[in-house]
Structure formats: structure tokens, C-alpha cells
Amino acid sequence: MNRLKNKFCLGDLVAAALVLLLGFSVFAVSYFGKSEGDVCVLRTPDTRTVLPLSEDTEFDITSNGIDLHIVVENGKARVESSDCPDKICVHRGEISKSGQSAVCVPARLSLVIESEGESDADFIIG
């Protein structure tokens, strides 16, 4: 009976190293490649508010029957507390880099960090 032996060849090691390098590269670009944001855009079904990250502020807001406490300080924004059941928005923590967001789905509220001059469009064709 012919048994298969587990052998690693040089090609397997090179392929594994390339996969690890590619994974690390994607992580590094997505995490370290983002610039610091300038403003925090707060959106609810009824409002759109732009909060400069350079000014410390905190306030309470009610959206979709849920009370939230929003804090902007030291160039970072966060949902400090929320009445929502799962509190994913609170556990998200501080956001400060362009493109980061914190979302409370039950409250239908989002905080998105943007750089000055950034628009809602992802890209322009033409």
C-alpha cells in the first residue's frame, strides 16, 4: 500500500510567504495609510451636522427614539453612551482617521470622519 508522505517543497513555502506578505500589506495600507480627518459628519434621518474635530464638544441627541451622548475631544469622536440594546456604536470607540465611522443602526445614526474638501462622492467619472 502506497502511503502519502507530508512533504513541503520550496514552492509551498514561497507561496505561503507571499500570501502572508500580501495579507500584511493590505492590513498596513488600510490601517496606516489613512490620514487624520478634519471633521465628523453626524447623520440621522432628519439632520446632517458637521462637527470640526479641532473643537471639543459634547451633546445629547435623540434619534428614532434612542438617546445618544456624542463626544468630540482631542481630535477624535465617539458615541459615549446609547440606549440601544446592543451598544455596538459605543463599543466602536474613538474614530479620527478619514473614512472611519461609528454607526448605531437602531437609532439610524452615523458618525463619519472626513477630510476638509471631501465630498459624499466616492469617485467622479468623465
N, C-alpha and C. Protein backbone atom coordinates (compact mmCIF):
# COMPACT_ATOMS: atom_id res chain seq x y z
N MET A 1 0.84 -1.17 0.00
CA MET A 1 0.00 0.00 0.00
C MET A 1 0.89 1.24 0.00
N ASN A 2 0.57 2.14 -0.88
CA ASN A 2 1.36 3.36 -1.03
C ASN A 2 0.81 4.45 -0.11
N ARG A 3 1.60 4.92 0.80
CA ARG A 3 1.15 5.98 1.70
C ARG A 3 1.71 7.31 1.23
N LEU A 4 0.86 8.34 1.37
CA LEU A 4 1.31 9.68 1.02
C LEU A 4 2.10 10.27 2.18
N LYS A 5 3.20 10.86 1.88
CA LYS A 5 4.01 11.50 2.91
C LYS A 5 3.82 13.00 2.84
N ASN A 6 3.75 13.62 3.98
CA ASN A 6 3.63 15.07 4.04
C ASN A 6 5.00 15.69 3.82
N LYS A 7 5.18 16.27 2.67
CA LYS A 7 6.42 16.94 2.35
C LYS A 7 6.12 18.35 1.90
N PHE A 8 6.88 19.26 2.41
CA PHE A 8 6.78 20.64 1.96
C PHE A 8 7.93 20.89 1.01
N CYS A 9 7.59 21.45 -0.10
CA CYS A 9 8.66 21.81 -1.03
C CYS A 9 8.89 23.32 -0.97
N LEU A 10 9.90 23.76 -1.61
CA LEU A 10 10.25 25.17 -1.62
C LEU A 10 9.12 26.02 -2.18
N GLY A 11 8.42 25.52 -3.17
CA GLY A 11 7.30 26.25 -3.78
C GLY A 11 6.19 26.51 -2.78
N ASP A 12 5.90 25.53 -1.92
CA ASP A 12 4.87 25.71 -0.88
C ASP A 12 5.26 26.80 0.09
N LEU A 13 6.52 26.83 0.49
CA LEU A 13 6.99 27.86 1.42
C LEU A 13 6.94 29.25 0.79
N VAL A 14 7.31 29.34 -0.47
CA VAL A 14 7.27 30.63 -1.16
C VAL A 14 5.83 31.11 -1.29
N ALA A 15 4.92 30.21 -1.64
CA ALA A 15 3.50 30.57 -1.77
C ALA A 15 2.94 31.04 -0.43
N ALA A 16 3.26 30.34 0.65
CA ALA A 16 2.78 30.73 1.98
C ALA A 16 3.34 32.09 2.38
N ALA A 17 4.61 32.33 2.08
CA ALA A 17 5.22 33.62 2.41
C ALA A 17 4.58 34.75 1.62
N LEU A 18 4.26 34.51 0.35
CA LEU A 18 3.61 35.53 -0.47
C LEU A 18 2.20 35.86 0.05
N VAL A 19 1.47 34.83 0.45
CA VAL A 19 0.12 35.06 0.99
C VAL A 19 0.20 35.88 2.28
N LEU A 20 1.14 35.55 3.15
CA LEU A 20 1.30 36.32 4.39
C LEU A 20 1.72 37.76 4.11
N LEU A 21 2.64 37.95 3.18
CA LEU A 21 3.10 39.29 2.82
C LEU A 21 1.96 40.12 2.23
N LEU A 22 1.17 39.51 1.37
CA LEU A 22 0.02 40.21 0.78
C LEU A 22 -1.00 40.60 1.85
N GLY A 23 -1.28 39.68 2.76
CA GLY A 23 -2.22 39.98 3.85
C GLY A 23 -1.74 41.11 4.72
N PHE A 24 -0.46 41.09 5.09
CA PHE A 24 0.09 42.16 5.90
C PHE A 24 0.08 43.49 5.15
N SER A 25 0.37 43.46 3.86
CA SER A 25 0.37 44.69 3.06
C SER A 25 -1.01 45.32 3.01
N VAL A 26 -2.04 44.52 2.81
CA VAL A 26 -3.40 45.05 2.77
C VAL A 26 -3.76 45.65 4.12
N PHE A 27 -3.41 44.97 5.20
CA PHE A 27 -3.68 45.50 6.54
C PHE A 27 -2.93 46.81 6.77
N ALA A 28 -1.67 46.85 6.43
CA ALA A 28 -0.86 48.04 6.67
C ALA A 28 -1.37 49.24 5.89
N VAL A 29 -1.73 49.04 4.64
CA VAL A 29 -2.23 50.15 3.83
C VAL A 29 -3.57 50.64 4.36
N SER A 30 -4.46 49.72 4.73
CA SER A 30 -5.78 50.15 5.20
C SER A 30 -5.71 50.79 6.58
N TYR A 31 -4.78 50.38 7.42
CA TYR A 31 -4.72 50.92 8.77
C TYR A 31 -3.82 52.16 8.86
N PHE A 32 -2.62 52.07 8.31
CA PHE A 32 -1.66 53.16 8.44
C PHE A 32 -1.76 54.18 7.31
N GLY A 33 -2.42 53.84 6.23
CA GLY A 33 -2.46 54.72 5.07
C GLY A 33 -3.52 55.81 5.15
N LYS A 34 -4.37 55.77 6.15
CA LYS A 34 -5.42 56.78 6.26
C LYS A 34 -4.90 58.04 6.93
N SER A 35 -5.35 59.18 6.43
CA SER A 35 -4.93 60.44 7.03
C SER A 35 -5.89 60.83 8.14
N GLU A 36 -5.41 61.70 9.00
CA GLU A 36 -6.26 62.22 10.06
C GLU A 36 -7.37 63.05 9.45
N GLY A 37 -8.58 62.90 9.96
CA GLY A 37 -9.71 63.66 9.46
C GLY A 37 -9.77 65.04 10.07
N ASP A 38 -10.59 65.90 9.43
CA ASP A 38 -10.76 67.27 9.91
C ASP A 38 -12.12 67.49 10.57
N VAL A 39 -13.14 66.76 10.08
CA VAL A 39 -14.50 66.95 10.58
C VAL A 39 -15.16 65.60 10.81
N CYS A 40 -16.15 65.62 11.68
CA CYS A 40 -17.00 64.46 11.92
C CYS A 40 -18.39 64.82 11.41
N VAL A 41 -18.91 64.02 10.49
CA VAL A 41 -20.23 64.27 9.93
C VAL A 41 -21.22 63.36 10.64
N LEU A 42 -22.17 63.96 11.34
CA LEU A 42 -23.21 63.24 12.07
C LEU A 42 -24.47 63.24 11.20
N ARG A 43 -24.97 62.04 10.90
CA ARG A 43 -26.17 61.93 10.07
C ARG A 43 -27.25 61.14 10.80
N THR A 44 -28.46 61.67 10.75
CA THR A 44 -29.65 60.98 11.20
C THR A 44 -30.65 61.09 10.06
N PRO A 45 -31.81 60.44 10.16
CA PRO A 45 -32.79 60.59 9.08
C PRO A 45 -33.23 62.04 8.88
N ASP A 46 -33.14 62.86 9.93
CA ASP A 46 -33.65 64.23 9.85
C ASP A 46 -32.56 65.29 9.70
N THR A 47 -31.32 64.97 10.09
CA THR A 47 -30.29 66.01 10.13
C THR A 47 -28.97 65.54 9.55
N ARG A 48 -28.16 66.51 9.20
CA ARG A 48 -26.75 66.29 8.83
C ARG A 48 -25.98 67.42 9.49
N THR A 49 -25.10 67.08 10.42
CA THR A 49 -24.35 68.07 11.18
C THR A 49 -22.86 67.82 10.99
N VAL A 50 -22.11 68.87 10.70
CA VAL A 50 -20.66 68.78 10.54
C VAL A 50 -20.01 69.33 11.81
N LEU A 51 -19.22 68.50 12.47
CA LEU A 51 -18.56 68.88 13.71
C LEU A 51 -17.05 68.93 13.48
N PRO A 52 -16.41 70.07 13.65
CA PRO A 52 -14.95 70.13 13.49
C PRO A 52 -14.27 69.34 14.61
N LEU A 53 -13.30 68.52 14.24
CA LEU A 53 -12.58 67.74 15.23
C LEU A 53 -11.61 68.60 16.05
N SER A 54 -11.36 69.81 15.58
CA SER A 54 -10.46 70.71 16.30
C SER A 54 -11.13 71.37 17.50
N GLU A 55 -12.45 71.29 17.58
CA GLU A 55 -13.19 71.90 18.69
C GLU A 55 -13.80 70.82 19.57
N ASP A 56 -13.47 70.82 20.86
CA ASP A 56 -14.04 69.85 21.79
C ASP A 56 -15.48 70.22 22.08
N THR A 57 -16.34 69.22 21.98
CA THR A 57 -17.76 69.42 22.26
C THR A 57 -18.39 68.10 22.66
N GLU A 58 -19.49 68.18 23.37
CA GLU A 58 -20.29 67.00 23.67
C GLU A 58 -21.74 67.41 23.78
N PHE A 59 -22.62 66.51 23.36
CA PHE A 59 -24.04 66.82 23.37
C PHE A 59 -24.86 65.55 23.34
N ASP A 60 -26.13 65.70 23.67
CA ASP A 60 -27.08 64.59 23.62
C ASP A 60 -27.96 64.76 22.41
N ILE A 61 -28.32 63.63 21.80
CA ILE A 61 -29.20 63.66 20.64
C ILE A 61 -30.15 62.47 20.74
N THR A 62 -31.37 62.68 20.31
CA THR A 62 -32.35 61.60 20.26
C THR A 62 -32.67 61.34 18.80
N SER A 63 -32.51 60.09 18.39
CA SER A 63 -32.79 59.69 17.02
C SER A 63 -33.55 58.37 17.03
N ASN A 64 -34.68 58.35 16.36
CA ASN A 64 -35.51 57.14 16.26
C ASN A 64 -35.89 56.62 17.66
N GLY A 65 -36.09 57.53 18.61
CA GLY A 65 -36.49 57.16 19.96
C GLY A 65 -35.36 56.68 20.86
N ILE A 66 -34.12 56.80 20.41
CA ILE A 66 -32.97 56.34 21.19
C ILE A 66 -32.11 57.55 21.55
N ASP A 67 -31.75 57.66 22.83
CA ASP A 67 -30.92 58.76 23.31
C ASP A 67 -29.44 58.37 23.22
N LEU A 68 -28.64 59.26 22.64
CA LEU A 68 -27.20 59.03 22.50
C LEU A 68 -26.44 60.24 23.03
N HIS A 69 -25.25 59.99 23.56
CA HIS A 69 -24.36 61.06 24.02
C HIS A 69 -23.12 61.01 23.14
N ILE A 70 -22.88 62.09 22.37
CA ILE A 70 -21.77 62.17 21.43
C ILE A 70 -20.68 63.07 22.02
N VAL A 71 -19.43 62.64 21.91
CA VAL A 71 -18.29 63.41 22.43
C VAL A 71 -17.26 63.59 21.32
N VAL A 72 -16.81 64.83 21.15
CA VAL A 72 -15.69 65.14 20.26
C VAL A 72 -14.65 65.84 21.12
N GLU A 73 -13.46 65.21 21.24
CA GLU A 73 -12.38 65.82 22.01
C GLU A 73 -11.04 65.28 21.54
N ASN A 74 -10.04 66.13 21.61
CA ASN A 74 -8.67 65.79 21.23
C ASN A 74 -8.58 65.24 19.80
N GLY A 75 -9.39 65.78 18.91
CA GLY A 75 -9.33 65.36 17.52
C GLY A 75 -9.97 64.02 17.23
N LYS A 76 -10.77 63.51 18.16
CA LYS A 76 -11.43 62.21 18.00
C LYS A 76 -12.90 62.33 18.37
N ALA A 77 -13.72 61.49 17.76
CA ALA A 77 -15.15 61.48 18.05
C ALA A 77 -15.55 60.09 18.52
N ARG A 78 -16.61 60.03 19.34
CA ARG A 78 -17.10 58.74 19.81
C ARG A 78 -18.54 58.87 20.29
N VAL A 79 -19.23 57.74 20.32
CA VAL A 79 -20.54 57.67 20.96
C VAL A 79 -20.26 57.23 22.39
N GLU A 80 -20.43 58.14 23.32
CA GLU A 80 -20.12 57.87 24.73
C GLU A 80 -21.12 56.89 25.35
N SER A 81 -22.40 57.11 25.07
CA SER A 81 -23.43 56.22 25.62
C SER A 81 -24.64 56.21 24.69
N SER A 82 -25.41 55.13 24.80
CA SER A 82 -26.59 54.97 23.95
C SER A 82 -27.60 54.08 24.66
N ASP A 83 -28.87 54.33 24.39
CA ASP A 83 -29.94 53.50 24.94
C ASP A 83 -30.22 52.27 24.08
N CYS A 84 -29.53 52.11 22.98
CA CYS A 84 -29.80 50.98 22.08
C CYS A 84 -29.44 49.67 22.77
N PRO A 85 -30.04 48.56 22.34
CA PRO A 85 -29.84 47.30 23.07
C PRO A 85 -28.44 46.70 22.95
N ASP A 86 -27.79 46.79 21.81
CA ASP A 86 -26.51 46.10 21.63
C ASP A 86 -25.28 46.97 21.87
N LYS A 87 -25.40 48.27 21.77
CA LYS A 87 -24.34 49.24 22.05
C LYS A 87 -23.08 49.04 21.20
N ILE A 88 -23.25 48.56 19.98
CA ILE A 88 -22.11 48.41 19.07
C ILE A 88 -21.47 49.76 18.80
N CYS A 89 -22.28 50.80 18.70
CA CYS A 89 -21.76 52.15 18.45
C CYS A 89 -20.86 52.62 19.59
N VAL A 90 -21.19 52.26 20.81
CA VAL A 90 -20.38 52.65 21.97
C VAL A 90 -19.08 51.84 21.99
N HIS A 91 -19.17 50.55 21.70
CA HIS A 91 -18.00 49.68 21.71
C HIS A 91 -17.04 49.98 20.56
N ARG A 92 -17.50 50.70 19.54
CA ARG A 92 -16.64 51.07 18.41
C ARG A 92 -15.49 51.93 18.89
N GLY A 93 -15.71 52.73 19.90
CA GLY A 93 -14.65 53.56 20.45
C GLY A 93 -14.42 54.83 19.65
N GLU A 94 -13.22 55.38 19.79
CA GLU A 94 -12.89 56.66 19.15
C GLU A 94 -12.55 56.47 17.69
N ILE A 95 -12.96 57.44 16.88
CA ILE A 95 -12.61 57.45 15.46
C ILE A 95 -11.97 58.80 15.15
N SER A 96 -10.93 58.78 14.32
CA SER A 96 -10.24 60.03 14.00
C SER A 96 -9.67 60.06 12.59
N LYS A 97 -9.57 58.93 11.93
CA LYS A 97 -8.97 58.87 10.60
C LYS A 97 -10.04 58.97 9.52
N SER A 98 -9.70 59.64 8.45
CA SER A 98 -10.63 59.84 7.34
C SER A 98 -11.17 58.50 6.84
N GLY A 99 -12.48 58.40 6.76
CA GLY A 99 -13.13 57.18 6.30
C GLY A 99 -13.65 56.29 7.42
N GLN A 100 -13.19 56.49 8.65
CA GLN A 100 -13.70 55.69 9.76
C GLN A 100 -15.12 56.12 10.10
N SER A 101 -15.89 55.18 10.66
CA SER A 101 -17.26 55.52 11.02
C SER A 101 -17.70 54.75 12.26
N ALA A 102 -18.71 55.29 12.91
CA ALA A 102 -19.40 54.62 14.01
C ALA A 102 -20.88 54.73 13.69
N VAL A 103 -21.58 53.60 13.75
CA VAL A 103 -22.97 53.56 13.32
C VAL A 103 -23.82 52.94 14.41
N CYS A 104 -24.97 53.56 14.67
CA CYS A 104 -25.98 52.98 15.55
C CYS A 104 -27.20 52.69 14.67
N VAL A 105 -27.37 51.43 14.31
CA VAL A 105 -28.45 51.06 13.39
C VAL A 105 -29.83 51.28 14.00
N PRO A 106 -30.07 50.88 15.27
CA PRO A 106 -31.41 51.12 15.82
C PRO A 106 -31.78 52.61 15.86
N ALA A 107 -30.80 53.48 16.09
CA ALA A 107 -31.05 54.92 16.15
C ALA A 107 -31.02 55.54 14.76
N ARG A 108 -30.54 54.79 13.78
CA ARG A 108 -30.38 55.30 12.41
C ARG A 108 -29.48 56.53 12.40
N LEU A 109 -28.34 56.40 13.10
CA LEU A 109 -27.38 57.49 13.25
C LEU A 109 -26.01 57.00 12.81
N SER A 110 -25.25 57.88 12.14
CA SER A 110 -23.88 57.54 11.77
C SER A 110 -22.96 58.73 12.03
N LEU A 111 -21.75 58.41 12.45
CA LEU A 111 -20.66 59.38 12.57
C LEU A 111 -19.61 58.95 11.56
N VAL A 112 -19.21 59.85 10.68
CA VAL A 112 -18.21 59.54 9.66
C VAL A 112 -17.14 60.63 9.69
N ILE A 113 -15.88 60.22 9.74
CA ILE A 113 -14.77 61.16 9.72
C ILE A 113 -14.41 61.47 8.27
N GLU A 114 -14.29 62.76 7.97
CA GLU A 114 -13.93 63.20 6.63
C GLU A 114 -12.84 64.25 6.71
N SER A 115 -12.13 64.42 5.60
CA SER A 115 -11.15 65.49 5.49
C SER A 115 -11.82 66.68 4.84
N GLU A 116 -11.32 67.88 5.11
CA GLU A 116 -11.88 69.08 4.51
C GLU A 116 -11.83 68.96 2.99
N GLY A 117 -12.90 69.36 2.33
CA GLY A 117 -12.96 69.31 0.89
C GLY A 117 -13.42 67.97 0.36
N GLU A 118 -13.59 66.97 1.24
CA GLU A 118 -14.07 65.67 0.81
C GLU A 118 -15.56 65.76 0.51
N SER A 119 -16.01 65.04 -0.47
CA SER A 119 -17.43 65.06 -0.79
C SER A 119 -18.03 63.69 -0.53
N ASP A 120 -19.35 63.57 -0.68
CA ASP A 120 -20.02 62.30 -0.49
C ASP A 120 -19.76 61.34 -1.65
N ALA A 121 -19.27 61.85 -2.78
CA ALA A 121 -19.00 61.00 -3.93
C ALA A 121 -17.73 60.18 -3.70
N ASP A 122 -17.77 58.91 -4.07
CA ASP A 122 -16.60 58.06 -3.96
C ASP A 122 -15.62 58.34 -5.10
N PHE A 123 -16.15 58.60 -6.30
CA PHE A 123 -15.30 58.92 -7.43
C PHE A 123 -16.13 59.63 -8.48
N ILE A 124 -15.45 60.27 -9.40
CA ILE A 124 -16.12 61.01 -10.47
C ILE A 124 -15.68 60.42 -11.80
N ILE A 125 -16.64 60.13 -12.66
CA ILE A 125 -16.35 59.59 -13.99
C ILE A 125 -16.59 60.68 -15.01
N GLY A 126 -15.64 60.82 -15.94
CA GLY A 126 -15.88 61.76 -17.03
C GLY A 126 -15.04 62.91 -16.93
